[in-house]
Protein backbone atom coordinates (compact mmCIF):
# COMPACT_ATOMS: atom_id res chain seq x y z
CA MET A 1 -28.79 18.25 -78.61
CA LYS A 2 -25.67 16.53 -77.30
CA LYS A 3 -25.78 12.94 -76.11
CA GLN A 4 -25.09 13.75 -72.44
CA THR A 5 -27.92 16.34 -72.43
CA LEU A 6 -30.36 13.85 -73.93
CA LEU A 7 -29.41 11.25 -71.36
CA SER A 8 -29.74 13.78 -68.55
CA VAL A 9 -33.28 14.61 -69.69
CA SER A 10 -34.09 10.90 -69.94
CA MET A 11 -32.81 10.32 -66.42
CA LEU A 12 -34.97 13.21 -65.15
CA VAL A 13 -38.09 11.79 -66.78
CA LEU A 14 -37.36 8.34 -65.34
CA THR A 15 -36.80 9.82 -61.88
CA LEU A 16 -40.09 11.73 -62.02
CA THR A 17 -41.92 8.59 -63.15
CA LEU A 18 -40.42 6.43 -60.42
CA SER A 19 -40.99 9.03 -57.69
CA GLY A 20 -44.70 8.21 -57.76
CA CYS A 21 -43.85 4.69 -56.64
CA GLN A 22 -41.59 5.77 -53.80
CA THR A 23 -44.33 6.21 -51.19
CA ALA A 24 -45.50 2.64 -51.73
CA TYR A 25 -41.89 1.46 -51.64
CA TYR A 26 -41.19 3.18 -48.32
CA SER A 27 -44.36 1.73 -46.83
CA ALA A 28 -43.46 -1.78 -47.97
CA MET A 29 -39.94 -1.47 -46.56
CA GLU A 30 -41.26 -0.19 -43.24
CA LYS A 31 -43.44 -3.27 -42.92
CA VAL A 32 -40.29 -5.41 -42.89
CA GLY A 33 -38.53 -3.16 -40.39
CA ILE A 34 -36.51 -0.99 -42.77
CA HIS A 35 -37.28 2.67 -42.08
CA LYS A 36 -36.66 5.80 -44.13
CA ARG A 37 -33.69 6.64 -41.94
CA ASP A 38 -32.05 3.31 -42.88
CA ILE A 39 -32.84 3.85 -46.57
CA LEU A 40 -31.33 7.34 -46.44
CA ILE A 41 -28.08 6.04 -44.98
CA ASP A 42 -27.93 3.27 -47.61
CA ARG A 43 -28.56 5.73 -50.43
CA VAL A 44 -25.89 8.12 -49.21
CA GLU A 45 -23.49 5.16 -49.21
CA GLU A 46 -24.55 4.24 -52.76
CA THR A 47 -24.04 7.82 -53.92
CA LYS A 48 -20.60 7.93 -52.36
CA ASP A 49 -19.67 4.67 -54.11
CA SER A 50 -20.93 5.95 -57.46
CA GLN A 51 -18.92 9.16 -57.03
CA GLN A 52 -15.78 7.13 -56.40
CA GLU A 53 -16.52 5.06 -59.51
CA SER A 54 -17.04 8.18 -61.61
CA GLN A 55 -13.73 9.57 -60.36
CA GLU A 56 -11.98 6.50 -61.73
CA GLU A 57 -13.75 6.81 -65.08
CA PHE A 58 -12.85 10.48 -65.48
CA LYS A 59 -9.25 9.79 -64.51
CA SER A 60 -9.09 7.00 -67.08
CA ALA A 61 -10.42 9.31 -69.80
CA LEU A 62 -7.86 11.96 -68.88
CA GLU A 63 -5.03 9.43 -69.02
CA ARG A 64 -6.24 8.21 -72.43
CA LEU A 65 -6.41 11.75 -73.76
CA THR A 66 -2.92 12.39 -72.41
CA THR A 67 -1.73 9.39 -74.42
CA LEU A 68 -3.28 10.90 -77.53
CA ILE A 69 -1.78 14.33 -76.86
CA ASP A 70 1.64 12.71 -76.55
CA PHE A 71 1.09 10.85 -79.83
CA ASN A 72 4.36 10.30 -81.63
CA GLY A 73 3.53 7.90 -84.43
CA GLY A 74 1.64 4.63 -84.34
CA GLU A 75 -2.00 3.58 -84.61
CA LEU A 76 -4.37 6.41 -83.67
CA GLN A 77 -7.57 4.46 -84.27
CA ASP A 78 -7.07 2.08 -81.35
CA THR A 79 -6.32 4.89 -78.93
CA TYR A 80 -9.32 6.86 -80.19
CA ASN A 81 -11.60 3.84 -79.72
CA GLN A 82 -10.37 3.47 -76.15
CA LEU A 83 -10.92 7.18 -75.50
CA ASN A 84 -14.45 6.93 -76.85
CA ASP A 85 -15.11 3.96 -74.57
CA ASP A 86 -13.75 5.97 -71.63
CA TYR A 87 -16.07 8.86 -72.49
CA GLU A 88 -19.10 6.55 -72.68
CA SER A 89 -18.15 5.01 -69.32
CA SER A 90 -17.71 8.47 -67.79
CA LEU A 91 -21.13 9.53 -69.07
CA LYS A 92 -22.77 6.41 -67.66
CA ALA A 93 -21.05 6.88 -64.30
CA ALA A 94 -22.06 10.56 -64.17
CA ASN A 95 -25.71 9.70 -64.82
CA GLU A 96 -25.54 7.08 -62.06
CA VAL A 97 -24.28 9.75 -59.66
CA SER A 98 -27.15 12.10 -60.58
CA THR A 99 -29.73 9.32 -60.21
CA ASN A 100 -28.40 8.40 -56.78
CA ILE A 101 -28.38 12.02 -55.57
CA ASN A 102 -32.02 12.37 -56.65
CA LYS A 103 -32.88 9.21 -54.71
CA VAL A 104 -31.07 10.54 -51.64
CA GLU A 105 -33.00 13.81 -51.82
CA ASP A 106 -36.31 11.99 -52.29
CA VAL A 107 -36.02 9.77 -49.23
CA ALA A 108 -34.67 12.64 -47.11
CA GLU A 109 -37.71 14.76 -47.94
CA ALA A 110 -40.00 11.85 -47.09
CA LEU A 111 -38.15 11.26 -43.80
CA PHE A 112 -38.28 14.90 -42.73
CA ASP A 113 -41.96 15.27 -43.67
CA GLU A 114 -42.82 12.18 -41.65
CA TRP A 115 -40.71 13.33 -38.70
CA SER A 116 -42.34 16.78 -38.74
CA ASP A 117 -45.85 15.30 -38.88
CA GLU A 118 -45.12 12.91 -36.02
CA LEU A 119 -44.04 15.75 -33.74
CA GLU A 120 -47.74 16.52 -33.31
CA GLN A 121 -48.30 13.08 -31.78
CA TYR A 122 -46.22 13.86 -28.68
CA LYS A 123 -48.02 14.39 -25.38
CA SER A 124 -44.79 15.26 -23.57
CA ALA A 125 -43.72 18.85 -24.34
CA SER A 126 -40.10 18.14 -23.37
CA LEU A 127 -39.81 15.09 -25.63
CA LYS A 128 -41.46 16.97 -28.47
CA ARG A 129 -39.03 19.85 -28.02
CA GLU A 130 -36.04 17.48 -27.97
CA SER A 131 -37.22 15.63 -31.09
CA SER A 132 -37.82 18.94 -32.87
CA LYS A 133 -34.27 20.06 -32.09
CA LYS A 134 -32.89 16.79 -33.49
CA LEU A 135 -34.99 17.21 -36.63
CA THR A 136 -33.65 20.73 -37.17
CA ALA A 137 -30.06 19.59 -36.64
CA THR A 138 -30.43 16.59 -38.96
CA LYS A 139 -32.02 18.72 -41.69
CA ARG A 140 -29.18 21.22 -41.41
CA GLN A 141 -26.59 18.44 -41.69
CA PHE A 142 -28.39 16.96 -44.69
CA GLU A 143 -28.71 20.32 -46.47
CA GLN A 144 -24.95 20.76 -46.15
CA LEU A 145 -24.40 17.27 -47.60
CA LEU A 146 -26.83 17.88 -50.47
CA ARG A 147 -25.15 21.16 -51.37
CA SER A 148 -21.83 19.34 -51.47
CA MET A 149 -23.26 16.56 -53.66
CA ARG A 150 -24.93 18.99 -56.06
CA SER A 151 -21.79 21.11 -56.30
CA ALA A 152 -19.73 18.09 -57.35
CA GLU A 153 -22.50 17.01 -59.72
CA SER A 154 -22.48 20.41 -61.45
CA LYS A 155 -18.76 20.05 -62.20
CA MET A 156 -19.36 16.88 -64.23
CA GLU A 157 -21.23 18.60 -67.07
CA PRO A 158 -18.37 20.84 -68.33
CA VAL A 159 -15.97 17.88 -68.17
CA LEU A 160 -18.37 15.66 -70.12
CA THR A 161 -18.95 18.44 -72.65
CA SER A 162 -15.23 18.92 -73.20
CA LEU A 163 -14.61 15.18 -73.47
CA HIS A 164 -17.45 14.82 -75.96
CA ASP A 165 -16.15 17.71 -78.09
CA ASN A 166 -12.67 16.22 -78.18
CA VAL A 167 -13.93 12.73 -79.03
CA LEU A 168 -16.20 14.12 -81.73
CA TYR A 169 -13.44 16.24 -83.26
CA LEU A 170 -11.06 13.30 -83.35
CA LYS A 171 -13.74 11.10 -84.90
CA HIS A 172 -13.99 13.44 -87.87
CA ASN A 173 -10.29 14.28 -88.09
CA LEU A 174 -8.30 11.29 -86.90
CA ASN A 175 -4.77 12.40 -87.74
CA ALA A 176 -1.73 14.01 -86.17
CA GLN A 177 -2.97 17.50 -87.08
CA ALA A 178 -6.23 16.90 -85.22
CA VAL A 179 -4.35 15.72 -82.15
CA SER A 180 -2.27 18.87 -82.27
CA ALA A 181 -5.43 21.00 -82.58
CA ILE A 182 -6.97 19.71 -79.33
CA LYS A 183 -3.86 20.37 -77.27
CA GLY A 184 -5.13 23.87 -76.55
CA GLU A 185 -8.26 22.41 -74.95
CA PHE A 186 -6.34 19.86 -72.92
CA THR A 187 -5.10 22.27 -70.24
CA ASN A 188 -8.63 23.49 -69.52
CA LEU A 189 -9.99 19.95 -69.42
CA LYS A 190 -7.25 18.84 -67.06
CA ARG A 191 -8.04 21.77 -64.77
CA ASP A 192 -11.79 21.05 -64.86
CA ILE A 193 -11.21 17.40 -63.98
CA GLN A 194 -9.01 18.40 -61.04
CA VAL A 195 -11.74 20.76 -59.79
CA LEU A 196 -14.24 17.92 -60.16
CA MET A 197 -11.99 15.51 -58.23
CA ASN A 198 -11.62 18.04 -55.40
CA ASP A 199 -15.37 18.65 -55.18
CA MET A 200 -16.10 14.93 -55.23
CA ASN A 201 -13.55 14.29 -52.49
CA LYS A 202 -15.30 16.91 -50.37
CA SER A 203 -18.69 15.37 -51.10
CA ILE A 204 -17.40 11.90 -50.22
CA ALA A 205 -15.95 13.23 -46.95
CA ASP A 206 -19.25 14.97 -46.16
CA SER A 207 -21.10 11.71 -46.90
CA ASN A 208 -18.92 9.83 -44.43
CA LYS A 209 -19.51 12.54 -41.83
CA PHE A 210 -23.28 12.47 -42.35
CA ILE A 211 -23.44 8.67 -42.14
CA GLU A 212 -21.43 8.77 -38.91
CA GLN A 213 -23.75 11.41 -37.46
CA MET A 214 -26.85 9.45 -38.41
CA ASN A 215 -25.50 6.21 -36.96
CA SER A 216 -24.41 7.85 -33.71
CA ALA A 217 -27.77 9.61 -33.37
CA GLY A 218 -29.60 6.37 -34.01
């Protein structure tokens, strides 16, 4: 099993373990005046920041691979080591994005469940109806954001896989012939990274829109 797959599984297990503590965490935060709505906004911000960080890491890896592709004599080992570092940084950044998206989804579900339950506490039919409409609208806005986040997240895996394959191939065949051999993969990787950048830009824009909507509604 490849390293990024193992780490993805590890992150999933950690997320499932920690999710059992989230209810207690939300309750503790509420006692000091920080509500699920506030936590959701903060986590969307954190996810957006981690996406921007991962963009930089993927761009750096692409630039390093471009340097290798354009190799015209010199020391390959140093450039390979830098590329491997870039891959490891990209993998770490990608896992951070996935962790943050899971945390966003968790608090959103908790918020919407609480909101739905509290609708039954209304005595005023008009206020209940108005709150229900806001809940429906907010859920719809969030579902759009989550789809955007997950779409961008799904584009990271093929890029990481391609980077890993290239790094691994170069590790075992660090010479000019090996560099020449990976040139055929480079065009596809470059395209995949551009698709990833576009999806992340959309997700970041959707995050900004959602945060603005939540703040204005608050």
